[in-house]
Amino acid sequence: GLSVSKLNNVMIAVPDKKVQDKIANILDNFEKICSDLNIGLPAEIEARQKQYEFYRDALLSFDNSYFVNVERERERERER
């Protein structure tokens, strides 16, 4: 069995405060990337979808004026 007296004798290694802060910072940043819809994987998926749609529409249109108009629209979106 595991008694309180045995638990009191267990030694647990704890990194110093500086290392703990560094680990906490890394985990906080990872959580932000995973949960924030403006950055991370969801934003990357959305960006690739828009890129796919741009080239798909450009290739299927065969109209050079379309390329110019779509590129202008993409530049406007990037500036927002």
PDB file of N, CA and C in Angstrom:
ATOM      1  N   GLY A   1       0.812  -1.182   0.000  1.00  0.00           N
ATOM      2  CA  GLY A   1       0.000   0.000   0.000  1.00  0.00           C
ATOM      3  C   GLY A   1       0.861   1.254   0.000  1.00  0.00           C
ATOM      4  N   LEU A   2       0.205   2.333  -0.206  1.00  0.00           N
ATOM      5  CA  LEU A   2       0.867   3.630  -0.245  1.00  0.00           C
ATOM      6  C   LEU A   2       0.314   4.483   0.882  1.00  0.00           C
ATOM      7  N   SER A   3       1.133   4.726   1.860  1.00  0.00           N
ATOM      8  CA  SER A   3       0.682   5.487   3.025  1.00  0.00           C
ATOM      9  C   SER A   3       1.159   6.928   2.946  1.00  0.00           C
ATOM     10  N   VAL A   4       0.617   7.758   3.804  1.00  0.00           N
ATOM     11  CA  VAL A   4       1.003   9.178   3.846  1.00  0.00           C
ATOM     12  C   VAL A   4       2.476   9.306   4.192  1.00  0.00           C
ATOM     13  N   SER A   5       2.957   8.478   5.087  1.00  0.00           N
ATOM     14  CA  SER A   5       4.371   8.570   5.473  1.00  0.00           C
ATOM     15  C   SER A   5       5.290   8.230   4.308  1.00  0.00           C
ATOM     16  N   LYS A   6       4.878   7.289   3.473  1.00  0.00           N
ATOM     17  CA  LYS A   6       5.687   6.966   2.295  1.00  0.00           C
ATOM     18  C   LYS A   6       5.628   8.104   1.270  1.00  0.00           C
ATOM     19  N   LEU A   7       4.450   8.706   1.105  1.00  0.00           N
ATOM     20  CA  LEU A   7       4.325   9.829   0.181  1.00  0.00           C
ATOM     21  C   LEU A   7       5.170  11.019   0.628  1.00  0.00           C
ATOM     22  N   ASN A   8       5.276  11.231   1.913  1.00  0.00           N
ATOM     23  CA  ASN A   8       6.085  12.327   2.427  1.00  0.00           C
ATOM     24  C   ASN A   8       7.566  12.151   2.114  1.00  0.00           C
ATOM     25  N   ASN A   9       7.991  10.927   1.879  1.00  0.00           N
ATOM     26  CA  ASN A   9       9.397  10.655   1.583  1.00  0.00           C
ATOM     27  C   ASN A   9       9.707  10.655   0.084  1.00  0.00           C
ATOM     28  N   VAL A  10       8.682  10.804  -0.754  1.00  0.00           N
ATOM     29  CA  VAL A  10       8.898  10.801  -2.199  1.00  0.00           C
ATOM     30  C   VAL A  10       9.514  12.136  -2.624  1.00  0.00           C
ATOM     31  N   MET A  11      10.591  12.078  -3.368  1.00  0.00           N
ATOM     32  CA  MET A  11      11.260  13.277  -3.855  1.00  0.00           C
ATOM     33  C   MET A  11      10.816  13.525  -5.307  1.00  0.00           C
ATOM     34  N   ILE A  12      10.365  14.743  -5.579  1.00  0.00           N
ATOM     35  CA  ILE A  12       9.925  15.120  -6.924  1.00  0.00           C
ATOM     36  C   ILE A  12      10.831  16.243  -7.411  1.00  0.00           C
ATOM     37  N   ALA A  13      11.463  16.013  -8.550  1.00  0.00           N
ATOM     38  CA  ALA A  13      12.356  17.026  -9.123  1.00  0.00           C
ATOM     39  C   ALA A  13      11.512  18.131  -9.767  1.00  0.00           C
ATOM     40  N   VAL A  14      11.793  19.358  -9.397  1.00  0.00           N
ATOM     41  CA  VAL A  14      11.081  20.512  -9.938  1.00  0.00           C
ATOM     42  C   VAL A  14      12.119  21.449 -10.553  1.00  0.00           C
ATOM     43  N   PRO A  15      11.932  21.805 -11.848  1.00  0.00           N
ATOM     44  CA  PRO A  15      12.899  22.715 -12.467  1.00  0.00           C
ATOM     45  C   PRO A  15      12.837  24.101 -11.823  1.00  0.00           C
ATOM     46  N   ASP A  16      13.917  24.862 -11.977  1.00  0.00           N
ATOM     47  CA  ASP A  16      13.926  26.190 -11.369  1.00  0.00           C
ATOM     48  C   ASP A  16      12.898  27.101 -12.038  1.00  0.00           C
ATOM     49  N   LYS A  17      12.645  28.234 -11.418  1.00  0.00           N
ATOM     50  CA  LYS A  17      11.580  29.153 -11.843  1.00  0.00           C
ATOM     51  C   LYS A  17      11.750  29.606 -13.285  1.00  0.00           C
ATOM     52  N   LYS A  18      12.967  29.866 -13.718  1.00  0.00           N
ATOM     53  CA  LYS A  18      13.231  30.336 -15.078  1.00  0.00           C
ATOM     54  C   LYS A  18      12.794  29.289 -16.107  1.00  0.00           C
ATOM     55  N   VAL A  19      13.106  28.038 -15.852  1.00  0.00           N
ATOM     56  CA  VAL A  19      12.724  26.949 -16.755  1.00  0.00           C
ATOM     57  C   VAL A  19      11.201  26.771 -16.736  1.00  0.00           C
ATOM     58  N   GLN A  20      10.595  26.868 -15.569  1.00  0.00           N
ATOM     59  CA  GLN A  20       9.133  26.751 -15.463  1.00  0.00           C
ATOM     60  C   GLN A  20       8.443  27.854 -16.268  1.00  0.00           C
ATOM     61  N   ASP A  21       8.966  29.083 -16.165  1.00  0.00           N
ATOM     62  CA  ASP A  21       8.392  30.205 -16.926  1.00  0.00           C
ATOM     63  C   ASP A  21       8.514  29.985 -18.423  1.00  0.00           C
ATOM     64  N   LYS A  22       9.654  29.461 -18.861  1.00  0.00           N
ATOM     65  CA  LYS A  22       9.873  29.195 -20.291  1.00  0.00           C
ATOM     66  C   LYS A  22       8.884  28.133 -20.788  1.00  0.00           C
ATOM     67  N   ILE A  23       8.710  27.080 -20.028  1.00  0.00           N
ATOM     68  CA  ILE A  23       7.768  26.010 -20.401  1.00  0.00           C
ATOM     69  C   ILE A  23       6.344  26.551 -20.447  1.00  0.00           C
ATOM     70  N   ALA A  24       5.971  27.352 -19.451  1.00  0.00           N
ATOM     71  CA  ALA A  24       4.626  27.929 -19.412  1.00  0.00           C
ATOM     72  C   ALA A  24       4.386  28.835 -20.613  1.00  0.00           C
ATOM     73  N   ASN A  25       5.379  29.619 -20.989  1.00  0.00           N
ATOM     74  CA  ASN A  25       5.267  30.512 -22.138  1.00  0.00           C
ATOM     75  C   ASN A  25       5.069  29.718 -23.435  1.00  0.00           C
ATOM     76  N   ILE A  26       5.835  28.667 -23.602  1.00  0.00           N
ATOM     77  CA  ILE A  26       5.723  27.819 -24.800  1.00  0.00           C
ATOM     78  C   ILE A  26       4.332  27.184 -24.867  1.00  0.00           C
ATOM     79  N   LEU A  27       3.851  26.678 -23.742  1.00  0.00           N
ATOM     80  CA  LEU A  27       2.525  26.055 -23.716  1.00  0.00           C
ATOM     81  C   LEU A  27       1.416  27.071 -23.965  1.00  0.00           C
ATOM     82  N   ASP A  28       1.565  28.288 -23.433  1.00  0.00           N
ATOM     83  CA  ASP A  28       0.575  29.346 -23.682  1.00  0.00           C
ATOM     84  C   ASP A  28       0.515  29.695 -25.160  1.00  0.00           C
ATOM     85  N   ASN A  29       1.680  29.827 -25.785  1.00  0.00           N
ATOM     86  CA  ASN A  29       1.719  30.139 -27.217  1.00  0.00           C
ATOM     87  C   ASN A  29       1.112  29.011 -28.047  1.00  0.00           C
ATOM     88  N   PHE A  30       1.395  27.781 -27.675  1.00  0.00           N
ATOM     89  CA  PHE A  30       0.837  26.638 -28.388  1.00  0.00           C
ATOM     90  C   PHE A  30      -0.684  26.630 -28.280  1.00  0.00           C
ATOM     91  N   GLU A  31      -1.197  26.933 -27.089  1.00  0.00           N
ATOM     92  CA  GLU A  31      -2.645  26.975 -26.893  1.00  0.00           C
ATOM     93  C   GLU A  31      -3.287  28.071 -27.745  1.00  0.00           C
ATOM     94  N   LYS A  32      -2.639  29.231 -27.829  1.00  0.00           N
ATOM     95  CA  LYS A  32      -3.149  30.328 -28.656  1.00  0.00           C
ATOM     96  C   LYS A  32      -3.216  29.916 -30.116  1.00  0.00           C
ATOM     97  N   ILE A  33      -2.169  29.285 -30.600  1.00  0.00           N
ATOM     98  CA  ILE A  33      -2.127  28.863 -31.997  1.00  0.00           C
ATOM     99  C   ILE A  33      -3.224  27.843 -32.285  1.00  0.00           C
ATOM    100  N   CYS A  34      -3.440  26.936 -31.358  1.00  0.00           N
ATOM    101  CA  CYS A  34      -4.449  25.892 -31.568  1.00  0.00           C
ATOM    102  C   CYS A  34      -5.878  26.409 -31.482  1.00  0.00           C
ATOM    103  N   SER A  35      -6.106  27.434 -30.678  1.00  0.00           N
ATOM    104  CA  SER A  35      -7.475  27.857 -30.440  1.00  0.00           C
ATOM    105  C   SER A  35      -7.886  29.125 -31.173  1.00  0.00           C
ATOM    106  N   ASP A  36      -6.940  29.962 -31.554  1.00  0.00           N
ATOM    107  CA  ASP A  36      -7.279  31.236 -32.190  1.00  0.00           C
ATOM    108  C   ASP A  36      -7.611  31.006 -33.655  1.00  0.00           C
ATOM    109  N   LEU A  37      -8.786  31.472 -34.083  1.00  0.00           N
ATOM    110  CA  LEU A  37      -9.209  31.264 -35.462  1.00  0.00           C
ATOM    111  C   LEU A  37      -8.500  32.186 -36.450  1.00  0.00           C
ATOM    112  N   ASN A  38      -7.815  33.206 -35.952  1.00  0.00           N
ATOM    113  CA  ASN A  38      -7.123  34.134 -36.837  1.00  0.00           C
ATOM    114  C   ASN A  38      -5.706  33.691 -37.155  1.00  0.00           C
ATOM    115  N   ILE A  39      -5.187  32.768 -36.380  1.00  0.00           N
ATOM    116  CA  ILE A  39      -3.841  32.264 -36.633  1.00  0.00           C
ATOM    117  C   ILE A  39      -3.868  30.759 -36.547  1.00  0.00           C
ATOM    118  N   GLY A  40      -2.781  30.158 -36.883  1.00  0.00           N
ATOM    119  CA  GLY A  40      -2.677  28.716 -36.745  1.00  0.00           C
ATOM    120  C   GLY A  40      -3.320  27.956 -37.885  1.00  0.00           C
ATOM    121  N   LEU A  41      -3.651  26.725 -37.620  1.00  0.00           N
ATOM    122  CA  LEU A  41      -4.149  25.810 -38.641  1.00  0.00           C
ATOM    123  C   LEU A  41      -5.441  26.273 -39.308  1.00  0.00           C
ATOM    124  N   PRO A  42      -6.460  26.734 -38.579  1.00  0.00           N
ATOM    125  CA  PRO A  42      -7.679  27.181 -39.265  1.00  0.00           C
ATOM    126  C   PRO A  42      -7.417  28.307 -40.268  1.00  0.00           C
ATOM    127  N   ALA A  43      -6.561  29.253 -39.891  1.00  0.00           N
ATOM    128  CA  ALA A  43      -6.233  30.348 -40.808  1.00  0.00           C
ATOM    129  C   ALA A  43      -5.464  29.832 -42.018  1.00  0.00           C
ATOM    130  N   GLU A  44      -4.583  28.884 -41.805  1.00  0.00           N
ATOM    131  CA  GLU A  44      -3.808  28.315 -42.911  1.00  0.00           C
ATOM    132  C   GLU A  44      -4.727  27.561 -43.869  1.00  0.00           C
ATOM    133  N   ILE A  45      -5.663  26.801 -43.358  1.00  0.00           N
ATOM    134  CA  ILE A  45      -6.619  26.076 -44.204  1.00  0.00           C
ATOM    135  C   ILE A  45      -7.444  27.057 -45.021  1.00  0.00           C
ATOM    136  N   GLU A  46      -7.905  28.123 -44.395  1.00  0.00           N
ATOM    137  CA  GLU A  46      -8.691  29.131 -45.110  1.00  0.00           C
ATOM    138  C   GLU A  46      -7.859  29.802 -46.204  1.00  0.00           C
ATOM    139  N   ALA A  47      -6.601  30.114 -45.900  1.00  0.00           N
ATOM    140  CA  ALA A  47      -5.730  30.748 -46.892  1.00  0.00           C
ATOM    141  C   ALA A  47      -5.491  29.824 -48.087  1.00  0.00           C
ATOM    142  N   ARG A  48      -5.270  28.538 -47.835  1.00  0.00           N
ATOM    143  CA  ARG A  48      -5.049  27.588 -48.942  1.00  0.00           C
ATOM    144  C   ARG A  48      -6.323  27.411 -49.757  1.00  0.00           C
ATOM    145  N   GLN A  49      -7.482  27.448 -49.110  1.00  0.00           N
ATOM    146  CA  GLN A  49      -8.757  27.341 -49.834  1.00  0.00           C
ATOM    147  C   GLN A  49      -8.933  28.522 -50.772  1.00  0.00           C
ATOM    148  N   LYS A  50      -8.639  29.724 -50.276  1.00  0.00           N
ATOM    149  CA  LYS A  50      -8.740  30.916 -51.122  1.00  0.00           C
ATOM    150  C   LYS A  50      -7.744  30.843 -52.283  1.00  0.00           C
ATOM    151  N   GLN A  51      -6.547  30.354 -52.005  1.00  0.00           N
ATOM    152  CA  GLN A  51      -5.537  30.220 -53.055  1.00  0.00           C
ATOM    153  C   GLN A  51      -6.012  29.222 -54.116  1.00  0.00           C
ATOM    154  N   TYR A  52      -6.541  28.102 -53.670  1.00  0.00           N
ATOM    155  CA  TYR A  52      -7.059  27.103 -54.595  1.00  0.00           C
ATOM    156  C   TYR A  52      -8.157  27.700 -55.466  1.00  0.00           C
ATOM    157  N   GLU A  53      -9.104  28.413 -54.840  1.00  0.00           N
ATOM    158  CA  GLU A  53     -10.208  29.005 -55.594  1.00  0.00           C
ATOM    159  C   GLU A  53      -9.713  30.029 -56.602  1.00  0.00           C
ATOM    160  N   PHE A  54      -8.731  30.821 -56.212  1.00  0.00           N
ATOM    161  CA  PHE A  54      -8.167  31.815 -57.122  1.00  0.00           C
ATOM    162  C   PHE A  54      -7.609  31.153 -58.372  1.00  0.00           C
ATOM    163  N   TYR A  55      -6.733  30.161 -58.207  1.00  0.00           N
ATOM    164  CA  TYR A  55      -6.115  29.518 -59.370  1.00  0.00           C
ATOM    165  C   TYR A  55      -7.120  28.691 -60.166  1.00  0.00           C
ATOM    166  N   ARG A  56      -8.055  28.051 -59.479  1.00  0.00           N
ATOM    167  CA  ARG A  56      -9.090  27.306 -60.185  1.00  0.00           C
ATOM    168  C   ARG A  56      -9.892  28.238 -61.095  1.00  0.00           C
ATOM    169  N   ASP A  57     -10.365  29.344 -60.538  1.00  0.00           N
ATOM    170  CA  ASP A  57     -11.164  30.290 -61.320  1.00  0.00           C
ATOM    171  C   ASP A  57     -10.345  30.921 -62.442  1.00  0.00           C
ATOM    172  N   ALA A  58      -9.087  31.224 -62.155  1.00  0.00           N
ATOM    173  CA  ALA A  58      -8.226  31.828 -63.167  1.00  0.00           C
ATOM    174  C   ALA A  58      -7.977  30.867 -64.326  1.00  0.00           C
ATOM    175  N   LEU A  59      -7.728  29.618 -64.000  1.00  0.00           N
ATOM    176  CA  LEU A  59      -7.464  28.638 -65.058  1.00  0.00           C
ATOM    177  C   LEU A  59      -8.710  28.339 -65.889  1.00  0.00           C
ATOM    178  N   LEU A  60      -9.868  28.353 -65.263  1.00  0.00           N
ATOM    179  CA  LEU A  60     -11.089  28.026 -65.988  1.00  0.00           C
ATOM    180  C   LEU A  60     -11.654  29.203 -66.778  1.00  0.00           C
ATOM    181  N   SER A  61     -11.235  30.411 -66.461  1.00  0.00           N
ATOM    182  CA  SER A  61     -11.818  31.577 -67.126  1.00  0.00           C
ATOM    183  C   SER A  61     -11.202  31.855 -68.501  1.00  0.00           C
ATOM    184  N   PHE A  62      -9.916  31.624 -68.654  1.00  0.00           N
ATOM    185  CA  PHE A  62      -9.195  31.901 -69.903  1.00  0.00           C
ATOM    186  C   PHE A  62      -9.353  33.363 -70.330  1.00  0.00           C
ATOM    187  N   ASP A  63      -9.547  34.239 -69.373  1.00  0.00           N
ATOM    188  CA  ASP A  63      -9.745  35.652 -69.661  1.00  0.00           C
ATOM    189  C   ASP A  63      -8.708  36.436 -68.860  1.00  0.00           C
ATOM    190  N   ASN A  64      -7.810  37.138 -69.564  1.00  0.00           N
ATOM    191  CA  ASN A  64      -6.733  37.855 -68.879  1.00  0.00           C
ATOM    192  C   ASN A  64      -7.249  38.961 -67.969  1.00  0.00           C
ATOM    193  N   SER A  65      -8.366  39.577 -68.311  1.00  0.00           N
ATOM    194  CA  SER A  65      -8.902  40.629 -67.456  1.00  0.00           C
ATOM    195  C   SER A  65      -9.317  40.052 -66.104  1.00  0.00           C
ATOM    196  N   TYR A  66      -9.695  38.813 -66.099  1.00  0.00           N
ATOM    197  CA  TYR A  66     -10.064  38.156 -64.846  1.00  0.00           C
ATOM    198  C   TYR A  66      -8.860  38.091 -63.903  1.00  0.00           C
ATOM    199  N   PHE A  67      -7.687  37.734 -64.447  1.00  0.00           N
ATOM    200  CA  PHE A  67      -6.475  37.653 -63.636  1.00  0.00           C
ATOM    201  C   PHE A  67      -6.192  38.990 -62.951  1.00  0.00           C
ATOM    202  N   VAL A  68      -6.322  40.068 -63.693  1.00  0.00           N
ATOM    203  CA  VAL A  68      -6.049  41.397 -63.160  1.00  0.00           C
ATOM    204  C   VAL A  68      -7.050  41.736 -62.057  1.00  0.00           C
ATOM    205  N   ASN A  69      -8.332  41.506 -62.289  1.00  0.00           N
ATOM    206  CA  ASN A  69      -9.356  41.836 -61.302  1.00  0.00           C
ATOM    207  C   ASN A  69      -9.229  40.998 -60.030  1.00  0.00           C
ATOM    208  N   VAL A  70      -8.957  39.723 -60.174  1.00  0.00           N
ATOM    209  CA  VAL A  70      -8.835  38.860 -59.004  1.00  0.00           C
ATOM    210  C   VAL A  70      -7.598  39.234 -58.202  1.00  0.00           C
ATOM    211  N   GLU A  71      -6.508  39.541 -58.885  1.00  0.00           N
ATOM    212  CA  GLU A  71      -5.284  39.927 -58.180  1.00  0.00           C
ATOM    213  C   GLU A  71      -5.493  41.237 -57.417  1.00  0.00           C
ATOM    214  N   ARG A  72      -6.203  42.169 -57.992  1.00  0.00           N
ATOM    215  CA  ARG A  72      -6.508  43.415 -57.294  1.00  0.00           C
ATOM    216  C   ARG A  72      -7.341  43.145 -56.038  1.00  0.00           C
ATOM    217  N   GLU A  73      -8.308  42.258 -56.151  1.00  0.00           N
ATOM    218  CA  GLU A  73      -9.152  41.913 -55.005  1.00  0.00           C
ATOM    219  C   GLU A  73      -8.326  41.250 -53.902  1.00  0.00           C
ATOM    220  N   ARG A  74      -7.405  40.382 -54.283  1.00  0.00           N
ATOM    221  CA  ARG A  74      -6.540  39.726 -53.304  1.00  0.00           C
ATOM    222  C   ARG A  74      -5.661  40.744 -52.584  1.00  0.00           C
ATOM    223  N   GLU A  75      -5.160  41.737 -53.309  1.00  0.00           N
ATOM    224  CA  GLU A  75      -4.344  42.780 -52.690  1.00  0.00           C
ATOM    225  C   GLU A  75      -5.173  43.594 -51.698  1.00  0.00           C
ATOM    226  N   ARG A  76      -6.414  43.880 -52.033  1.00  0.00           N
ATOM    227  CA  ARG A  76      -7.310  44.619 -51.128  1.00  0.00           C
ATOM    228  C   ARG A  76      -7.532  43.813 -49.840  1.00  0.00           C
ATOM    229  N   GLU A  77      -7.743  42.513 -49.988  1.00  0.00           N
ATOM    230  CA  GLU A  77      -7.952  41.655 -48.799  1.00  0.00           C
ATOM    231  C   GLU A  77      -6.724  41.620 -47.917  1.00  0.00           C
ATOM    232  N   ARG A  78      -5.529  41.575 -48.528  1.00  0.00           N
ATOM    233  CA  ARG A  78      -4.291  41.550 -47.741  1.00  0.00           C
ATOM    234  C   ARG A  78      -4.095  42.844 -46.974  1.00  0.00           C
ATOM    235  N   GLU A  79      -4.564  43.955 -47.527  1.00  0.00           N
ATOM    236  CA  GLU A  79      -4.384  45.254 -46.878  1.00  0.00           C
ATOM    237  C   GLU A  79      -5.310  45.443 -45.687  1.00  0.00           C
ATOM    238  N   ARG A  80      -6.372  44.669 -45.606  1.00  0.00           N
ATOM    239  CA  ARG A  80      -7.342  44.787 -44.495  1.00  0.00           C
ATOM    240  C   ARG A  80      -6.796  44.319 -43.213  1.00  0.00           C
TER     241      ARG A  80
END
